N, C-alpha and C. Protein backbone atom coordinates (compact mmCIF):
# COMPACT_ATOMS: atom_id res chain seq x y z
N MET A 1 170.80 -35.68 -35.40
CA MET A 1 171.37 -35.10 -36.61
C MET A 1 172.82 -34.69 -36.36
N GLU A 2 173.64 -34.87 -37.39
CA GLU A 2 175.05 -34.50 -37.28
C GLU A 2 175.21 -32.99 -37.20
N GLU A 3 176.28 -32.57 -36.56
CA GLU A 3 176.55 -31.15 -36.48
C GLU A 3 177.09 -30.69 -37.84
N ILE A 4 176.47 -29.67 -38.43
CA ILE A 4 176.89 -29.23 -39.76
C ILE A 4 177.97 -28.17 -39.71
N LYS A 5 178.10 -27.48 -38.56
CA LYS A 5 179.12 -26.44 -38.44
C LYS A 5 179.75 -26.52 -37.07
N THR A 6 181.07 -26.57 -37.04
CA THR A 6 181.80 -26.53 -35.78
C THR A 6 182.82 -25.41 -35.89
N TYR A 7 183.66 -25.33 -34.88
CA TYR A 7 184.71 -24.33 -34.91
C TYR A 7 185.74 -24.64 -36.00
N ASP A 8 185.96 -25.94 -36.26
CA ASP A 8 187.02 -26.34 -37.19
C ASP A 8 186.55 -26.75 -38.58
N TYR A 9 185.28 -27.05 -38.76
CA TYR A 9 184.85 -27.48 -40.09
C TYR A 9 183.36 -27.28 -40.31
N VAL A 10 182.98 -27.39 -41.60
CA VAL A 10 181.59 -27.42 -42.04
C VAL A 10 181.41 -28.76 -42.73
N LEU A 11 180.30 -29.39 -42.51
CA LEU A 11 180.03 -30.69 -43.12
C LEU A 11 179.35 -30.48 -44.47
N CYS A 12 179.94 -30.99 -45.55
CA CYS A 12 179.34 -30.87 -46.88
C CYS A 12 178.05 -31.71 -46.90
N PRO A 13 176.92 -31.12 -47.28
CA PRO A 13 175.66 -31.86 -47.27
C PRO A 13 175.59 -32.95 -48.35
N TYR A 14 176.45 -32.89 -49.34
CA TYR A 14 176.42 -33.87 -50.42
C TYR A 14 177.25 -35.12 -50.10
N CYS A 15 178.51 -34.88 -49.64
CA CYS A 15 179.40 -36.03 -49.44
C CYS A 15 179.80 -36.24 -47.97
N LYS A 16 179.31 -35.38 -47.08
CA LYS A 16 179.60 -35.44 -45.64
C LYS A 16 181.08 -35.24 -45.32
N GLU A 17 181.84 -34.67 -46.27
CA GLU A 17 183.24 -34.37 -46.04
C GLU A 17 183.35 -33.14 -45.13
N LYS A 18 184.35 -33.13 -44.26
CA LYS A 18 184.58 -32.00 -43.37
C LYS A 18 185.51 -31.02 -44.09
N VAL A 19 185.01 -29.80 -44.32
CA VAL A 19 185.81 -28.77 -45.01
C VAL A 19 185.76 -27.49 -44.19
N THR A 20 186.79 -26.65 -44.33
CA THR A 20 186.79 -25.40 -43.59
C THR A 20 185.87 -24.38 -44.25
N ILE A 21 185.73 -24.49 -45.59
CA ILE A 21 184.84 -23.59 -46.31
C ILE A 21 184.26 -24.33 -47.51
N LEU A 22 182.96 -24.18 -47.71
CA LEU A 22 182.29 -24.78 -48.86
C LEU A 22 182.38 -23.79 -50.01
N GLN A 23 183.38 -23.96 -50.83
CA GLN A 23 183.55 -23.02 -51.93
C GLN A 23 183.26 -23.69 -53.26
N HIS A 24 183.27 -22.91 -54.33
CA HIS A 24 182.89 -23.41 -55.64
C HIS A 24 183.72 -24.60 -56.10
N THR A 25 185.00 -24.63 -55.70
CA THR A 25 185.85 -25.74 -56.14
C THR A 25 185.37 -27.07 -55.56
N HIS A 26 184.93 -27.06 -54.31
CA HIS A 26 184.42 -28.29 -53.71
C HIS A 26 183.05 -28.64 -54.31
N LEU A 27 182.20 -27.63 -54.44
CA LEU A 27 180.85 -27.88 -54.97
C LEU A 27 180.89 -28.39 -56.41
N LYS A 28 181.94 -27.99 -57.15
CA LYS A 28 182.09 -28.44 -58.54
C LYS A 28 182.22 -29.96 -58.61
N LYS A 29 182.81 -30.57 -57.58
CA LYS A 29 182.95 -32.04 -57.53
C LYS A 29 181.58 -32.71 -57.56
N HIS A 30 180.57 -32.00 -57.08
CA HIS A 30 179.22 -32.56 -57.02
C HIS A 30 178.35 -32.05 -58.17
N GLY A 31 178.98 -31.35 -59.12
CA GLY A 31 178.24 -30.81 -60.26
C GLY A 31 177.32 -29.68 -59.86
N LYS A 32 177.69 -28.95 -58.81
CA LYS A 32 176.85 -27.87 -58.28
C LYS A 32 177.60 -26.54 -58.33
N THR A 33 176.82 -25.47 -58.42
CA THR A 33 177.39 -24.12 -58.32
C THR A 33 177.00 -23.56 -56.97
N THR A 34 177.58 -22.43 -56.62
CA THR A 34 177.24 -21.78 -55.35
C THR A 34 175.76 -21.41 -55.35
N LYS A 35 175.26 -20.96 -56.50
CA LYS A 35 173.85 -20.58 -56.62
C LYS A 35 172.95 -21.80 -56.37
N ASP A 36 173.30 -22.95 -56.98
CA ASP A 36 172.52 -24.19 -56.76
C ASP A 36 172.49 -24.54 -55.28
N PHE A 37 173.66 -24.46 -54.65
CA PHE A 37 173.78 -24.82 -53.24
C PHE A 37 172.89 -23.94 -52.36
N LYS A 38 172.93 -22.62 -52.62
CA LYS A 38 172.13 -21.68 -51.82
C LYS A 38 170.63 -21.95 -51.99
N GLU A 39 170.23 -22.35 -53.21
CA GLU A 39 168.81 -22.65 -53.46
C GLU A 39 168.39 -23.94 -52.75
N GLU A 40 169.27 -24.95 -52.79
CA GLU A 40 168.95 -26.24 -52.17
C GLU A 40 169.02 -26.20 -50.65
N PHE A 41 169.98 -25.44 -50.12
CA PHE A 41 170.20 -25.41 -48.67
C PHE A 41 170.23 -23.97 -48.16
N PRO A 42 169.10 -23.27 -48.18
CA PRO A 42 169.11 -21.88 -47.70
C PRO A 42 169.49 -21.83 -46.22
N GLY A 43 170.37 -20.91 -45.90
CA GLY A 43 170.79 -20.74 -44.50
C GLY A 43 171.88 -21.70 -44.05
N TYR A 44 172.31 -22.62 -44.91
CA TYR A 44 173.36 -23.58 -44.55
C TYR A 44 174.68 -22.83 -44.45
N PRO A 45 175.50 -23.08 -43.43
CA PRO A 45 176.76 -22.32 -43.27
C PRO A 45 177.79 -22.66 -44.36
N PHE A 46 178.50 -21.65 -44.79
CA PHE A 46 179.54 -21.82 -45.81
C PHE A 46 180.92 -22.05 -45.22
N ARG A 47 181.16 -21.49 -44.02
CA ARG A 47 182.50 -21.63 -43.45
C ARG A 47 182.42 -21.96 -41.97
N CYS A 48 183.51 -22.53 -41.48
CA CYS A 48 183.56 -22.97 -40.08
C CYS A 48 183.65 -21.76 -39.14
N GLY A 49 183.46 -22.02 -37.86
CA GLY A 49 183.50 -20.97 -36.85
C GLY A 49 184.83 -20.25 -36.79
N ARG A 50 185.90 -20.99 -37.02
CA ARG A 50 187.24 -20.39 -36.97
C ARG A 50 187.38 -19.31 -38.05
N LEU A 51 186.89 -19.60 -39.27
CA LEU A 51 186.98 -18.62 -40.35
C LEU A 51 186.01 -17.47 -40.13
N GLU A 52 184.84 -17.75 -39.58
CA GLU A 52 183.88 -16.69 -39.25
C GLU A 52 184.50 -15.71 -38.27
N GLU A 53 185.13 -16.27 -37.24
CA GLU A 53 185.76 -15.45 -36.21
C GLU A 53 186.89 -14.61 -36.80
N ALA A 54 187.70 -15.23 -37.66
CA ALA A 54 188.82 -14.52 -38.28
C ALA A 54 188.30 -13.39 -39.18
N ALA A 55 187.22 -13.65 -39.90
CA ALA A 55 186.66 -12.62 -40.77
C ALA A 55 186.15 -11.44 -39.94
N LEU A 56 185.51 -11.73 -38.84
CA LEU A 56 185.02 -10.65 -37.97
C LEU A 56 186.17 -9.86 -37.36
N ARG A 57 187.22 -10.57 -36.95
CA ARG A 57 188.40 -9.89 -36.40
C ARG A 57 189.01 -8.97 -37.45
N GLY A 58 189.13 -9.49 -38.68
CA GLY A 58 189.72 -8.70 -39.77
C GLY A 58 188.89 -7.47 -40.08
N ALA A 59 187.57 -7.64 -40.11
CA ALA A 59 186.69 -6.50 -40.39
C ALA A 59 186.82 -5.46 -39.29
N HIS A 60 186.87 -5.90 -38.06
CA HIS A 60 187.00 -4.98 -36.93
C HIS A 60 188.35 -4.25 -36.99
N LYS A 61 189.39 -5.01 -37.29
CA LYS A 61 190.74 -4.45 -37.36
C LYS A 61 190.81 -3.38 -38.45
N ASN A 62 190.22 -3.66 -39.63
CA ASN A 62 190.24 -2.70 -40.72
C ASN A 62 189.45 -1.45 -40.36
N LYS A 63 188.33 -1.62 -39.67
CA LYS A 63 187.51 -0.49 -39.27
C LYS A 63 188.29 0.42 -38.33
N ILE A 64 189.03 -0.17 -37.41
CA ILE A 64 189.82 0.60 -36.45
C ILE A 64 190.99 1.30 -37.14
N ASN A 65 191.67 0.60 -38.06
CA ASN A 65 192.90 1.11 -38.66
C ASN A 65 192.71 1.94 -39.92
N LYS A 66 191.48 2.03 -40.44
CA LYS A 66 191.33 2.68 -41.74
C LYS A 66 191.79 4.14 -41.75
N ASP A 67 191.67 4.83 -40.64
CA ASP A 67 192.09 6.22 -40.58
C ASP A 67 193.43 6.42 -39.87
N ALA A 68 194.10 5.33 -39.52
CA ALA A 68 195.36 5.43 -38.79
C ALA A 68 196.43 6.07 -39.66
N LYS A 69 197.24 6.89 -39.06
CA LYS A 69 198.30 7.61 -39.78
C LYS A 69 199.67 7.27 -39.19
N LYS A 70 200.69 7.52 -39.98
CA LYS A 70 202.06 7.37 -39.50
C LYS A 70 202.90 8.48 -40.11
N LYS A 71 204.00 8.82 -39.45
CA LYS A 71 204.90 9.87 -39.92
C LYS A 71 206.04 9.21 -40.69
N VAL A 72 206.30 9.69 -41.93
CA VAL A 72 207.38 9.13 -42.73
C VAL A 72 208.23 10.27 -43.29
N LYS A 73 209.47 9.94 -43.60
CA LYS A 73 210.39 10.92 -44.19
C LYS A 73 210.28 10.86 -45.71
N CYS A 74 210.67 11.95 -46.35
CA CYS A 74 210.71 11.94 -47.81
C CYS A 74 211.96 11.19 -48.26
N VAL A 75 212.09 10.95 -49.55
CA VAL A 75 213.19 10.16 -50.09
C VAL A 75 214.54 10.79 -49.76
N CYS A 76 214.64 12.13 -49.82
CA CYS A 76 215.93 12.78 -49.53
C CYS A 76 216.16 12.95 -48.02
N GLY A 77 215.14 12.72 -47.21
CA GLY A 77 215.28 12.80 -45.77
C GLY A 77 215.13 14.19 -45.19
N GLU A 78 214.79 15.16 -46.03
CA GLU A 78 214.71 16.55 -45.59
C GLU A 78 213.39 16.87 -44.87
N ASN A 79 212.29 16.27 -45.32
CA ASN A 79 210.98 16.58 -44.76
C ASN A 79 210.26 15.34 -44.27
N GLU A 80 209.22 15.58 -43.46
CA GLU A 80 208.38 14.48 -42.98
C GLU A 80 206.93 14.79 -43.32
N ARG A 81 206.14 13.76 -43.47
CA ARG A 81 204.71 13.91 -43.74
C ARG A 81 203.93 12.81 -43.02
N MET A 82 202.67 13.09 -42.76
CA MET A 82 201.77 12.09 -42.21
C MET A 82 201.10 11.39 -43.39
N VAL A 83 201.11 10.07 -43.39
CA VAL A 83 200.46 9.29 -44.45
C VAL A 83 199.62 8.19 -43.79
N GLY A 84 198.80 7.54 -44.58
CA GLY A 84 197.99 6.44 -44.08
C GLY A 84 198.88 5.30 -43.60
N LYS A 85 198.39 4.57 -42.61
CA LYS A 85 199.16 3.49 -41.99
C LYS A 85 199.65 2.46 -42.99
N PHE A 86 198.87 2.21 -44.05
CA PHE A 86 199.23 1.15 -44.99
C PHE A 86 199.93 1.68 -46.24
N GLU A 87 200.30 2.96 -46.25
CA GLU A 87 201.02 3.52 -47.39
C GLU A 87 202.51 3.25 -47.24
N ALA A 88 203.26 3.64 -48.28
CA ALA A 88 204.71 3.40 -48.30
C ALA A 88 205.39 4.10 -47.12
N ASP A 89 206.59 3.64 -46.78
CA ASP A 89 207.34 4.19 -45.66
C ASP A 89 208.18 5.40 -46.05
N TYR A 90 207.82 6.06 -47.14
CA TYR A 90 208.49 7.27 -47.59
C TYR A 90 207.51 8.05 -48.46
N VAL A 91 207.82 9.31 -48.71
CA VAL A 91 207.08 10.12 -49.66
C VAL A 91 208.06 10.74 -50.63
N TYR A 92 207.62 11.00 -51.83
CA TYR A 92 208.45 11.61 -52.86
C TYR A 92 207.94 13.02 -53.08
N LEU A 93 208.73 14.02 -52.67
CA LEU A 93 208.31 15.42 -52.71
C LEU A 93 209.13 16.22 -53.71
N ASP A 94 208.75 17.48 -53.90
CA ASP A 94 209.48 18.36 -54.81
C ASP A 94 210.94 18.52 -54.41
N CYS A 95 211.23 18.51 -53.09
CA CYS A 95 212.62 18.65 -52.64
C CYS A 95 213.46 17.46 -53.13
N CYS A 96 212.85 16.29 -53.16
CA CYS A 96 213.55 15.09 -53.64
C CYS A 96 213.79 15.19 -55.15
N LYS A 97 212.77 15.68 -55.86
CA LYS A 97 212.85 15.83 -57.31
C LYS A 97 213.93 16.84 -57.67
N SER A 98 213.99 17.98 -56.92
CA SER A 98 214.97 19.03 -57.22
C SER A 98 216.40 18.57 -56.97
N LYS A 99 216.56 17.58 -56.11
CA LYS A 99 217.90 17.03 -55.84
C LYS A 99 218.27 15.93 -56.82
N GLY A 100 217.37 15.67 -57.79
CA GLY A 100 217.66 14.67 -58.81
C GLY A 100 217.41 13.23 -58.38
N LEU A 101 216.75 13.05 -57.27
CA LEU A 101 216.45 11.70 -56.81
C LEU A 101 215.23 11.14 -57.53
N GLU A 102 215.27 9.85 -57.81
CA GLU A 102 214.13 9.22 -58.48
C GLU A 102 213.14 8.69 -57.46
N ASN A 103 211.89 8.64 -57.87
CA ASN A 103 210.85 8.07 -57.02
C ASN A 103 211.04 6.55 -57.00
N PRO A 104 211.26 5.96 -55.83
CA PRO A 104 211.50 4.52 -55.76
C PRO A 104 210.36 3.66 -56.31
N ASP A 105 209.11 4.16 -56.25
CA ASP A 105 208.02 3.33 -56.75
C ASP A 105 207.79 3.51 -58.25
N LYS A 106 208.53 4.39 -58.90
CA LYS A 106 208.51 4.59 -60.35
C LYS A 106 207.20 5.13 -60.91
N ARG A 107 206.25 5.53 -60.04
CA ARG A 107 204.96 5.96 -60.55
C ARG A 107 204.98 7.38 -61.09
N SER A 108 205.81 8.24 -60.58
CA SER A 108 205.75 9.64 -61.03
C SER A 108 206.99 10.05 -61.81
N ASN A 109 207.69 9.10 -62.38
CA ASN A 109 208.88 9.48 -63.13
C ASN A 109 208.58 9.72 -64.61
N GLY A 110 207.30 9.65 -65.01
CA GLY A 110 206.91 9.98 -66.38
C GLY A 110 206.99 8.83 -67.35
N THR A 111 207.67 7.76 -67.01
CA THR A 111 207.80 6.65 -67.98
C THR A 111 206.49 5.91 -68.17
N GLY A 112 205.67 5.85 -67.14
CA GLY A 112 204.39 5.13 -67.26
C GLY A 112 203.47 5.78 -68.26
N GLU A 113 203.34 7.10 -68.19
CA GLU A 113 202.46 7.81 -69.12
C GLU A 113 203.01 7.76 -70.53
N ALA A 114 204.32 7.94 -70.66
CA ALA A 114 204.93 7.90 -71.99
C ALA A 114 204.75 6.51 -72.61
N ASN A 115 204.92 5.47 -71.81
CA ASN A 115 204.76 4.11 -72.32
C ASN A 115 203.31 3.85 -72.72
N ARG A 116 202.36 4.34 -71.91
CA ARG A 116 200.94 4.16 -72.22
C ARG A 116 200.60 4.82 -73.56
N LYS A 117 201.08 6.06 -73.78
CA LYS A 117 200.82 6.76 -75.03
C LYS A 117 201.43 6.01 -76.21
N LYS A 118 202.65 5.52 -76.03
CA LYS A 118 203.34 4.80 -77.09
C LYS A 118 202.56 3.55 -77.49
N VAL A 119 202.11 2.79 -76.51
CA VAL A 119 201.37 1.56 -76.78
C VAL A 119 200.05 1.87 -77.48
N LEU A 120 199.34 2.91 -77.01
CA LEU A 120 198.07 3.29 -77.65
C LEU A 120 198.29 3.71 -79.10
N GLN A 121 199.36 4.47 -79.36
CA GLN A 121 199.62 4.91 -80.73
C GLN A 121 200.04 3.76 -81.63
N GLU A 122 200.80 2.82 -81.10
CA GLU A 122 201.17 1.64 -81.89
C GLU A 122 199.93 0.82 -82.24
N LYS A 123 199.03 0.70 -81.29
CA LYS A 123 197.86 -0.15 -81.46
C LYS A 123 196.76 0.52 -82.30
N TYR A 124 196.52 1.84 -82.08
CA TYR A 124 195.39 2.51 -82.71
C TYR A 124 195.76 3.64 -83.67
N GLY A 125 197.05 3.93 -83.82
CA GLY A 125 197.47 4.95 -84.76
C GLY A 125 197.83 6.26 -84.10
N PRO A 126 198.48 7.15 -84.87
CA PRO A 126 198.90 8.44 -84.32
C PRO A 126 197.69 9.28 -83.89
N GLY A 127 197.87 10.09 -82.89
CA GLY A 127 196.79 10.93 -82.40
C GLY A 127 196.00 10.31 -81.26
N VAL A 128 196.16 9.01 -81.04
CA VAL A 128 195.45 8.35 -79.94
C VAL A 128 196.38 8.34 -78.74
N THR A 129 196.14 9.29 -77.82
CA THR A 129 197.00 9.41 -76.64
C THR A 129 196.32 8.96 -75.36
N ASN A 130 195.00 8.75 -75.43
CA ASN A 130 194.29 8.20 -74.28
C ASN A 130 193.12 7.36 -74.77
N ALA A 131 192.58 6.56 -73.89
CA ALA A 131 191.56 5.59 -74.28
C ALA A 131 190.30 6.24 -74.85
N ALA A 132 189.98 7.46 -74.43
CA ALA A 132 188.79 8.13 -74.94
C ALA A 132 188.90 8.48 -76.42
N LYS A 133 190.12 8.50 -76.95
CA LYS A 133 190.31 8.84 -78.37
C LYS A 133 190.30 7.61 -79.28
N ILE A 134 190.12 6.43 -78.71
CA ILE A 134 190.04 5.22 -79.52
C ILE A 134 188.70 5.25 -80.26
N PRO A 135 188.71 5.02 -81.57
CA PRO A 135 187.45 5.07 -82.33
C PRO A 135 186.41 4.11 -81.74
N GLY A 136 185.21 4.62 -81.52
CA GLY A 136 184.11 3.79 -81.03
C GLY A 136 183.96 3.75 -79.52
N VAL A 137 184.97 4.20 -78.77
CA VAL A 137 184.91 4.11 -77.32
C VAL A 137 183.86 5.05 -76.75
N LYS A 138 183.78 6.28 -77.29
CA LYS A 138 182.79 7.23 -76.77
C LYS A 138 181.37 6.72 -76.97
N GLU A 139 181.12 6.15 -78.15
CA GLU A 139 179.78 5.62 -78.44
C GLU A 139 179.47 4.44 -77.52
N LYS A 140 180.44 3.56 -77.34
CA LYS A 140 180.24 2.39 -76.49
C LYS A 140 179.97 2.83 -75.04
N THR A 141 180.75 3.80 -74.55
CA THR A 141 180.56 4.31 -73.20
C THR A 141 179.18 4.93 -73.05
N SER A 142 178.79 5.72 -74.03
CA SER A 142 177.49 6.36 -74.01
C SER A 142 176.37 5.32 -74.01
N ASN A 143 176.48 4.30 -74.85
CA ASN A 143 175.48 3.23 -74.90
C ASN A 143 175.39 2.49 -73.57
N THR A 144 176.53 2.20 -72.96
CA THR A 144 176.55 1.50 -71.68
C THR A 144 175.87 2.34 -70.61
N ASN A 145 176.18 3.66 -70.56
CA ASN A 145 175.55 4.55 -69.59
C ASN A 145 174.04 4.62 -69.81
N ASN A 146 173.63 4.65 -71.05
CA ASN A 146 172.20 4.69 -71.35
C ASN A 146 171.50 3.41 -70.90
N GLU A 147 172.14 2.26 -71.15
CA GLU A 147 171.55 0.98 -70.75
C GLU A 147 171.47 0.86 -69.23
N ARG A 148 172.58 1.18 -68.56
CA ARG A 148 172.64 0.98 -67.11
C ARG A 148 171.91 2.04 -66.31
N TYR A 149 172.04 3.32 -66.74
CA TYR A 149 171.56 4.41 -65.91
C TYR A 149 170.50 5.30 -66.58
N GLY A 150 170.23 5.08 -67.86
CA GLY A 150 169.25 5.91 -68.55
C GLY A 150 169.82 7.24 -69.00
N GLY A 151 171.12 7.35 -69.12
CA GLY A 151 171.77 8.58 -69.57
C GLY A 151 173.13 8.74 -68.93
N THR A 152 173.79 9.85 -69.30
CA THR A 152 175.12 10.13 -68.76
C THR A 152 175.03 11.36 -67.87
N GLY A 153 175.71 11.33 -66.74
CA GLY A 153 175.72 12.47 -65.84
C GLY A 153 174.33 12.81 -65.32
N PHE A 154 174.00 14.12 -65.32
CA PHE A 154 172.70 14.55 -64.80
C PHE A 154 171.55 14.22 -65.73
N ALA A 155 171.82 13.71 -66.92
CA ALA A 155 170.74 13.25 -67.80
C ALA A 155 170.09 12.01 -67.22
N SER A 156 170.82 11.32 -66.36
CA SER A 156 170.29 10.14 -65.68
C SER A 156 169.78 10.55 -64.30
N GLU A 157 168.50 10.29 -64.04
CA GLU A 157 167.92 10.64 -62.74
C GLU A 157 168.65 9.92 -61.61
N LYS A 158 169.00 8.64 -61.84
CA LYS A 158 169.68 7.85 -60.82
C LYS A 158 171.05 8.45 -60.49
N LEU A 159 171.82 8.79 -61.52
CA LEU A 159 173.15 9.37 -61.29
C LEU A 159 173.04 10.78 -60.71
N ARG A 160 172.01 11.54 -61.11
CA ARG A 160 171.82 12.88 -60.58
C ARG A 160 171.59 12.83 -59.08
N ARG A 161 170.69 11.92 -58.64
CA ARG A 161 170.41 11.79 -57.21
C ARG A 161 171.65 11.35 -56.44
N LYS A 162 172.38 10.39 -57.01
CA LYS A 162 173.58 9.89 -56.35
C LYS A 162 174.64 10.99 -56.23
N SER A 163 174.82 11.78 -57.28
CA SER A 163 175.80 12.87 -57.27
C SER A 163 175.44 13.92 -56.24
N ILE A 164 174.16 14.29 -56.19
CA ILE A 164 173.72 15.30 -55.23
C ILE A 164 173.92 14.80 -53.81
N LYS A 165 173.58 13.54 -53.57
CA LYS A 165 173.76 12.96 -52.23
C LYS A 165 175.23 13.01 -51.82
N THR A 166 176.13 12.65 -52.72
CA THR A 166 177.56 12.67 -52.44
C THR A 166 178.05 14.08 -52.15
N MET A 167 177.58 15.06 -52.95
CA MET A 167 178.00 16.45 -52.74
C MET A 167 177.52 16.98 -51.39
N ILE A 168 176.30 16.58 -50.98
CA ILE A 168 175.79 16.99 -49.68
C ILE A 168 176.63 16.37 -48.57
N GLU A 169 176.94 15.06 -48.72
CA GLU A 169 177.75 14.36 -47.71
C GLU A 169 179.12 14.99 -47.56
N LYS A 170 179.69 15.46 -48.68
CA LYS A 170 181.02 16.05 -48.62
C LYS A 170 180.98 17.52 -48.23
N GLY A 171 179.77 18.07 -48.04
CA GLY A 171 179.62 19.44 -47.58
C GLY A 171 179.77 20.50 -48.64
N TYR A 172 179.62 20.14 -49.93
CA TYR A 172 179.74 21.13 -50.98
C TYR A 172 178.56 22.09 -50.97
N PHE A 173 177.37 21.60 -50.59
CA PHE A 173 176.23 22.48 -50.41
C PHE A 173 175.22 21.83 -49.49
N ASP A 174 174.31 22.64 -48.96
CA ASP A 174 173.31 22.15 -48.01
C ASP A 174 172.10 21.60 -48.74
N GLU A 175 171.36 20.75 -48.03
CA GLU A 175 170.12 20.22 -48.56
C GLU A 175 169.08 21.32 -48.55
N ASP A 176 168.54 21.64 -49.68
CA ASP A 176 167.46 22.65 -49.77
C ASP A 176 166.46 22.22 -50.80
């Protein structure tokens, strides 16, 4: 029997083509979906050894670096803060704001919220300043929560248990 998975490729069971990953775009050529493929060939490899190895390396790397921190200066250069390794190389603090400096990422300069309110009011009329005030949204949200979870908040047993578990994990109260 031919080797179906090597370090460099996976052999497509339909056309015997060597591919690095059997994805939906390739399977579409055979009139198959990923679900069809999994049913017909349970346990058949989807990607070559090289991609498997890279995925494992990436997962390991993310696990190691997820809590990594770095020291960065604020926009005005007056203060320093510790931030996550993958965050911006600066922070925007009150000292920067008081000196009249703008936030380089534009997220806290107020224009985003003002623009969002303006668009909502143009689309849904005056008085609609957030999505919860759009007519019908509360009912739709409530119906979705009822369908998915059997209620909203603690009215749903599933959400109640999940909330309590999270609060215990975060140390808000002890298990009793």
